[in-house]
N, C-alpha and C. Protein backbone atom coordinates (compact mmCIF):
# COMPACT_ATOMS: atom_id res chain seq x y z
N MET A 1 -17.98 15.64 47.85
CA MET A 1 -18.04 14.27 48.31
C MET A 1 -16.90 14.04 49.29
N GLN A 2 -17.25 13.92 50.55
CA GLN A 2 -16.21 13.89 51.57
C GLN A 2 -15.56 12.52 51.74
N PHE A 3 -16.24 11.45 51.38
CA PHE A 3 -15.66 10.11 51.58
C PHE A 3 -15.20 9.48 50.27
N SER A 4 -15.28 10.19 49.17
CA SER A 4 -15.06 9.58 47.87
C SER A 4 -14.18 10.44 46.99
N SER A 5 -13.62 9.79 45.98
CA SER A 5 -12.90 10.50 44.93
C SER A 5 -13.48 10.05 43.59
N SER A 6 -13.04 10.67 42.52
CA SER A 6 -13.60 10.39 41.20
C SER A 6 -12.77 9.35 40.46
N LEU A 7 -13.47 8.55 39.67
CA LEU A 7 -12.81 7.67 38.71
C LEU A 7 -12.71 8.43 37.40
N LYS A 8 -11.53 8.50 36.83
CA LYS A 8 -11.36 9.24 35.60
C LYS A 8 -10.65 8.44 34.50
N LEU A 9 -9.90 7.42 34.88
CA LEU A 9 -9.08 6.70 33.91
C LEU A 9 -9.88 5.60 33.21
N ASN A 10 -9.74 5.56 31.89
CA ASN A 10 -10.50 4.63 31.07
C ASN A 10 -10.20 3.18 31.43
N HIS A 11 -8.95 2.84 31.72
CA HIS A 11 -8.64 1.44 32.00
C HIS A 11 -9.28 0.96 33.31
N ILE A 12 -9.52 1.86 34.25
CA ILE A 12 -10.19 1.49 35.49
C ILE A 12 -11.67 1.23 35.22
N PHE A 13 -12.30 2.06 34.38
CA PHE A 13 -13.68 1.82 33.98
C PHE A 13 -13.79 0.46 33.28
N ARG A 14 -12.89 0.19 32.34
CA ARG A 14 -12.97 -1.08 31.60
C ARG A 14 -12.77 -2.27 32.51
N ARG A 15 -11.83 -2.18 33.45
CA ARG A 15 -11.60 -3.28 34.38
C ARG A 15 -12.83 -3.52 35.24
N LEU A 16 -13.48 -2.44 35.66
CA LEU A 16 -14.68 -2.57 36.47
C LEU A 16 -15.81 -3.21 35.68
N TYR A 17 -15.98 -2.82 34.42
CA TYR A 17 -17.01 -3.45 33.58
C TYR A 17 -16.71 -4.93 33.38
N ARG A 18 -15.44 -5.28 33.21
CA ARG A 18 -15.06 -6.65 32.90
C ARG A 18 -15.06 -7.56 34.13
N LYS A 19 -14.50 -7.09 35.25
CA LYS A 19 -14.30 -7.96 36.41
C LYS A 19 -15.23 -7.66 37.58
N GLY A 20 -15.95 -6.55 37.52
CA GLY A 20 -16.82 -6.18 38.63
C GLY A 20 -18.17 -6.86 38.55
N SER A 21 -18.96 -6.63 39.55
CA SER A 21 -20.34 -7.12 39.59
C SER A 21 -21.27 -5.98 39.22
N SER A 22 -22.50 -6.32 38.87
CA SER A 22 -23.43 -5.27 38.46
C SER A 22 -24.84 -5.60 38.89
N ALA A 23 -25.64 -4.55 38.91
CA ALA A 23 -27.07 -4.66 39.14
C ALA A 23 -27.73 -3.56 38.32
N ALA A 24 -28.96 -3.82 37.88
CA ALA A 24 -29.62 -2.85 37.00
C ALA A 24 -31.10 -2.76 37.33
N ASN A 25 -31.66 -1.61 37.02
CA ASN A 25 -33.10 -1.43 37.03
C ASN A 25 -33.45 -0.59 35.81
N ARG A 26 -34.65 -0.06 35.74
CA ARG A 26 -35.07 0.62 34.52
C ARG A 26 -34.38 1.95 34.30
N TYR A 27 -33.79 2.54 35.34
CA TYR A 27 -33.16 3.85 35.21
C TYR A 27 -31.63 3.81 35.19
N LEU A 28 -31.04 2.91 35.97
CA LEU A 28 -29.59 2.91 36.17
C LEU A 28 -29.01 1.51 36.10
N VAL A 29 -27.71 1.46 35.82
CA VAL A 29 -26.91 0.25 35.98
C VAL A 29 -25.79 0.61 36.93
N LEU A 30 -25.55 -0.23 37.93
CA LEU A 30 -24.52 0.03 38.93
C LEU A 30 -23.48 -1.08 38.85
N TYR A 31 -22.24 -0.70 38.57
CA TYR A 31 -21.11 -1.63 38.58
C TYR A 31 -20.30 -1.34 39.83
N TYR A 32 -19.80 -2.39 40.49
CA TYR A 32 -19.04 -2.18 41.71
C TYR A 32 -17.99 -3.28 41.86
N ARG A 33 -16.91 -2.93 42.58
CA ARG A 33 -15.82 -3.85 42.84
C ARG A 33 -15.00 -3.31 43.99
N ARG A 34 -14.49 -4.17 44.84
CA ARG A 34 -13.61 -3.74 45.94
C ARG A 34 -12.36 -3.10 45.36
N ASN A 35 -11.86 -2.04 46.01
CA ASN A 35 -10.67 -1.37 45.49
C ASN A 35 -9.48 -1.44 46.43
N GLY A 36 -9.63 -2.00 47.61
CA GLY A 36 -8.50 -2.19 48.50
C GLY A 36 -8.08 -0.95 49.27
N SER A 37 -8.88 0.09 49.25
CA SER A 37 -8.57 1.29 50.02
C SER A 37 -9.70 1.56 51.01
N ASN A 38 -9.61 2.67 51.72
CA ASN A 38 -10.63 3.01 52.71
C ASN A 38 -11.63 4.02 52.19
N GLU A 39 -11.60 4.31 50.92
CA GLU A 39 -12.55 5.27 50.36
C GLU A 39 -13.17 4.72 49.09
N ASN A 40 -14.32 5.23 48.76
CA ASN A 40 -14.98 4.85 47.51
C ASN A 40 -14.47 5.74 46.39
N ARG A 41 -14.48 5.19 45.19
CA ARG A 41 -14.20 5.97 44.00
C ARG A 41 -15.43 5.85 43.11
N ILE A 42 -15.94 6.98 42.66
CA ILE A 42 -17.20 7.01 41.92
C ILE A 42 -16.96 7.49 40.49
N GLY A 43 -17.62 6.81 39.55
CA GLY A 43 -17.60 7.23 38.16
C GLY A 43 -19.03 7.29 37.64
N LEU A 44 -19.31 8.27 36.82
CA LEU A 44 -20.65 8.44 36.25
C LEU A 44 -20.54 8.39 34.73
N THR A 45 -21.46 7.66 34.10
CA THR A 45 -21.46 7.52 32.65
C THR A 45 -22.85 7.84 32.12
N VAL A 46 -22.89 8.77 31.19
CA VAL A 46 -24.12 9.10 30.48
C VAL A 46 -23.75 9.12 29.00
N GLY A 47 -24.27 8.16 28.25
CA GLY A 47 -23.89 7.98 26.86
C GLY A 47 -24.36 9.10 25.95
N ALA A 48 -23.67 9.27 24.84
CA ALA A 48 -23.99 10.32 23.87
C ALA A 48 -25.35 10.13 23.22
N LYS A 49 -25.86 8.90 23.20
CA LYS A 49 -27.17 8.64 22.61
C LYS A 49 -28.31 9.23 23.43
N LEU A 50 -28.03 9.61 24.66
CA LEU A 50 -29.09 10.05 25.56
C LEU A 50 -29.45 11.52 25.40
N GLY A 51 -28.76 12.24 24.59
CA GLY A 51 -29.13 13.64 24.37
C GLY A 51 -27.93 14.53 24.15
N CYS A 52 -28.22 15.81 24.03
CA CYS A 52 -27.15 16.78 23.80
C CYS A 52 -26.33 16.95 25.09
N ALA A 53 -25.23 17.67 24.98
CA ALA A 53 -24.31 17.83 26.10
C ALA A 53 -24.97 18.47 27.32
N VAL A 54 -25.88 19.39 27.08
CA VAL A 54 -26.56 20.05 28.20
C VAL A 54 -27.36 19.03 29.00
N ARG A 55 -28.10 18.17 28.34
CA ARG A 55 -28.92 17.16 29.03
C ARG A 55 -28.05 16.12 29.72
N ARG A 56 -26.97 15.70 29.06
CA ARG A 56 -26.07 14.71 29.67
C ARG A 56 -25.40 15.28 30.91
N ASN A 57 -24.93 16.52 30.85
CA ASN A 57 -24.28 17.13 32.01
C ASN A 57 -25.27 17.33 33.16
N ARG A 58 -26.51 17.67 32.83
CA ARG A 58 -27.53 17.82 33.87
C ARG A 58 -27.76 16.48 34.56
N MET A 59 -27.81 15.40 33.79
CA MET A 59 -27.99 14.07 34.38
C MET A 59 -26.80 13.71 35.27
N ARG A 60 -25.58 14.03 34.84
CA ARG A 60 -24.40 13.77 35.66
C ARG A 60 -24.47 14.53 36.98
N ARG A 61 -24.89 15.79 36.93
CA ARG A 61 -25.01 16.58 38.15
C ARG A 61 -26.06 15.97 39.09
N ARG A 62 -27.17 15.53 38.53
CA ARG A 62 -28.22 14.92 39.36
C ARG A 62 -27.73 13.62 40.00
N LEU A 63 -27.04 12.78 39.23
CA LEU A 63 -26.53 11.52 39.78
C LEU A 63 -25.45 11.78 40.83
N ARG A 64 -24.60 12.77 40.61
CA ARG A 64 -23.58 13.11 41.58
C ARG A 64 -24.22 13.58 42.90
N GLU A 65 -25.30 14.33 42.80
CA GLU A 65 -26.00 14.81 44.00
C GLU A 65 -26.69 13.65 44.73
N VAL A 66 -27.29 12.73 44.00
CA VAL A 66 -27.90 11.56 44.63
C VAL A 66 -26.83 10.79 45.40
N TYR A 67 -25.67 10.59 44.79
CA TYR A 67 -24.59 9.88 45.46
C TYR A 67 -24.11 10.66 46.68
N ARG A 68 -23.91 11.97 46.53
CA ARG A 68 -23.39 12.79 47.62
C ARG A 68 -24.30 12.75 48.85
N LEU A 69 -25.60 12.79 48.62
CA LEU A 69 -26.54 12.79 49.74
C LEU A 69 -26.54 11.47 50.51
N HIS A 70 -26.15 10.39 49.85
CA HIS A 70 -26.23 9.07 50.48
C HIS A 70 -24.88 8.38 50.64
N GLU A 71 -23.78 9.09 50.40
CA GLU A 71 -22.48 8.42 50.46
C GLU A 71 -22.11 7.96 51.85
N ALA A 72 -22.61 8.62 52.90
CA ALA A 72 -22.31 8.19 54.27
C ALA A 72 -22.97 6.86 54.60
N GLU A 73 -24.00 6.49 53.86
CA GLU A 73 -24.71 5.23 54.10
C GLU A 73 -24.06 4.05 53.38
N LEU A 74 -23.07 4.31 52.53
CA LEU A 74 -22.44 3.25 51.74
C LEU A 74 -21.20 2.72 52.44
N LEU A 75 -20.92 1.45 52.22
CA LEU A 75 -19.70 0.85 52.75
C LEU A 75 -18.49 1.44 52.04
N PRO A 76 -17.39 1.68 52.76
CA PRO A 76 -16.18 2.21 52.11
C PRO A 76 -15.37 1.11 51.43
N GLY A 77 -14.53 1.51 50.48
CA GLY A 77 -13.61 0.58 49.86
C GLY A 77 -14.07 -0.01 48.55
N TYR A 78 -14.92 0.70 47.80
CA TYR A 78 -15.44 0.19 46.54
C TYR A 78 -15.21 1.18 45.41
N ASP A 79 -15.00 0.65 44.21
CA ASP A 79 -15.11 1.42 42.98
C ASP A 79 -16.54 1.24 42.50
N ILE A 80 -17.20 2.35 42.20
CA ILE A 80 -18.60 2.32 41.79
C ILE A 80 -18.75 3.13 40.51
N VAL A 81 -19.39 2.54 39.51
CA VAL A 81 -19.73 3.27 38.29
C VAL A 81 -21.24 3.20 38.14
N ILE A 82 -21.84 4.37 37.94
CA ILE A 82 -23.28 4.48 37.72
C ILE A 82 -23.49 4.86 36.26
N VAL A 83 -24.23 4.03 35.54
CA VAL A 83 -24.53 4.26 34.13
C VAL A 83 -26.00 4.63 34.00
N ALA A 84 -26.27 5.78 33.40
CA ALA A 84 -27.65 6.21 33.20
C ALA A 84 -28.23 5.55 31.96
N ARG A 85 -29.45 5.07 32.08
CA ARG A 85 -30.18 4.53 30.94
C ARG A 85 -31.08 5.61 30.36
N SER A 86 -31.66 5.35 29.20
CA SER A 86 -32.46 6.37 28.51
C SER A 86 -33.67 6.81 29.33
N ARG A 87 -34.28 5.91 30.08
CA ARG A 87 -35.44 6.29 30.90
C ARG A 87 -35.07 7.26 32.01
N ALA A 88 -33.81 7.25 32.43
CA ALA A 88 -33.39 8.16 33.50
C ALA A 88 -33.45 9.61 33.08
N MET A 89 -33.38 9.87 31.79
CA MET A 89 -33.40 11.26 31.31
C MET A 89 -34.73 11.94 31.61
N GLU A 90 -35.82 11.19 31.67
CA GLU A 90 -37.13 11.76 31.96
C GLU A 90 -37.54 11.60 33.42
N ALA A 91 -36.75 10.87 34.21
CA ALA A 91 -37.10 10.61 35.61
C ALA A 91 -36.84 11.85 36.45
N ASP A 92 -37.66 12.02 37.48
CA ASP A 92 -37.40 13.13 38.40
C ASP A 92 -36.39 12.70 39.45
N PHE A 93 -35.98 13.65 40.29
CA PHE A 93 -34.92 13.41 41.25
C PHE A 93 -35.29 12.31 42.25
N ALA A 94 -36.53 12.29 42.68
CA ALA A 94 -36.96 11.27 43.65
C ALA A 94 -36.88 9.87 43.05
N GLU A 95 -37.24 9.73 41.78
CA GLU A 95 -37.15 8.41 41.13
C GLU A 95 -35.69 7.97 40.99
N LEU A 96 -34.80 8.91 40.65
CA LEU A 96 -33.38 8.57 40.55
C LEU A 96 -32.83 8.16 41.92
N THR A 97 -33.23 8.87 42.94
CA THR A 97 -32.77 8.53 44.29
C THR A 97 -33.25 7.14 44.69
N ARG A 98 -34.51 6.87 44.45
CA ARG A 98 -35.08 5.56 44.77
C ARG A 98 -34.39 4.46 43.97
N ALA A 99 -34.11 4.71 42.70
CA ALA A 99 -33.43 3.71 41.86
C ALA A 99 -32.02 3.43 42.38
N PHE A 100 -31.29 4.49 42.74
CA PHE A 100 -29.93 4.30 43.26
C PHE A 100 -29.94 3.53 44.57
N LEU A 101 -30.81 3.91 45.49
CA LEU A 101 -30.86 3.24 46.79
C LEU A 101 -31.29 1.78 46.66
N THR A 102 -32.19 1.50 45.73
CA THR A 102 -32.60 0.12 45.48
C THR A 102 -31.41 -0.72 45.01
N LEU A 103 -30.66 -0.18 44.05
CA LEU A 103 -29.50 -0.91 43.53
C LEU A 103 -28.43 -1.08 44.60
N ALA A 104 -28.17 -0.03 45.37
CA ALA A 104 -27.15 -0.11 46.42
C ALA A 104 -27.54 -1.14 47.47
N GLY A 105 -28.81 -1.18 47.80
CA GLY A 105 -29.27 -2.19 48.77
C GLY A 105 -29.19 -3.59 48.22
N ARG A 106 -29.54 -3.77 46.95
CA ARG A 106 -29.52 -5.08 46.32
C ARG A 106 -28.10 -5.63 46.20
N THR A 107 -27.12 -4.75 46.01
CA THR A 107 -25.74 -5.19 45.83
C THR A 107 -24.99 -5.35 47.14
N GLY A 108 -25.59 -4.92 48.24
CA GLY A 108 -24.93 -5.04 49.55
C GLY A 108 -23.96 -3.91 49.83
N LEU A 109 -24.07 -2.79 49.14
CA LEU A 109 -23.19 -1.66 49.36
C LEU A 109 -23.65 -0.76 50.51
N MET A 110 -24.86 -0.95 50.98
CA MET A 110 -25.39 -0.11 52.06
C MET A 110 -24.92 -0.66 53.40
N GLN A 111 -24.59 0.26 54.32
CA GLN A 111 -24.24 -0.16 55.67
C GLN A 111 -25.51 -0.61 56.39
N GLU A 112 -25.35 -1.52 57.29
CA GLU A 112 -26.49 -1.99 58.08
C GLU A 112 -26.95 -0.87 58.99
N ALA A 113 -28.23 -0.73 59.16
CA ALA A 113 -28.79 0.30 60.03
C ALA A 113 -28.38 0.03 61.48
N ALA A 114 -27.93 1.08 62.14
CA ALA A 114 -27.54 0.95 63.54
C ALA A 114 -28.79 0.74 64.39
N GLN A 115 -28.75 -0.30 65.21
CA GLN A 115 -29.94 -0.60 66.03
C GLN A 115 -29.61 -0.52 67.48
């Protein structure tokens, strides 16, 4: 991820859940908040209820790839946490991509298309 770094600290996740804005669909929940820098920070959450470690890690890899492919289209300067819901475990890559782009567009995180 060339424009982003990872969120790893628990207090940053909690602050984002508490003070950030969110949008959700049947596959994902997206939390976001301005971070005051010129780069995005991304965090991925897949709960233990969603399956064994192998399935959770596979979902994290898929979500990271969806983000990586579209990070140039996102506005810089945000903390973003993507939470996978149980339906996301059975979704294919195209559905996850569509779900992410829908949420990013709904929240205003997408850059305007150059015309």
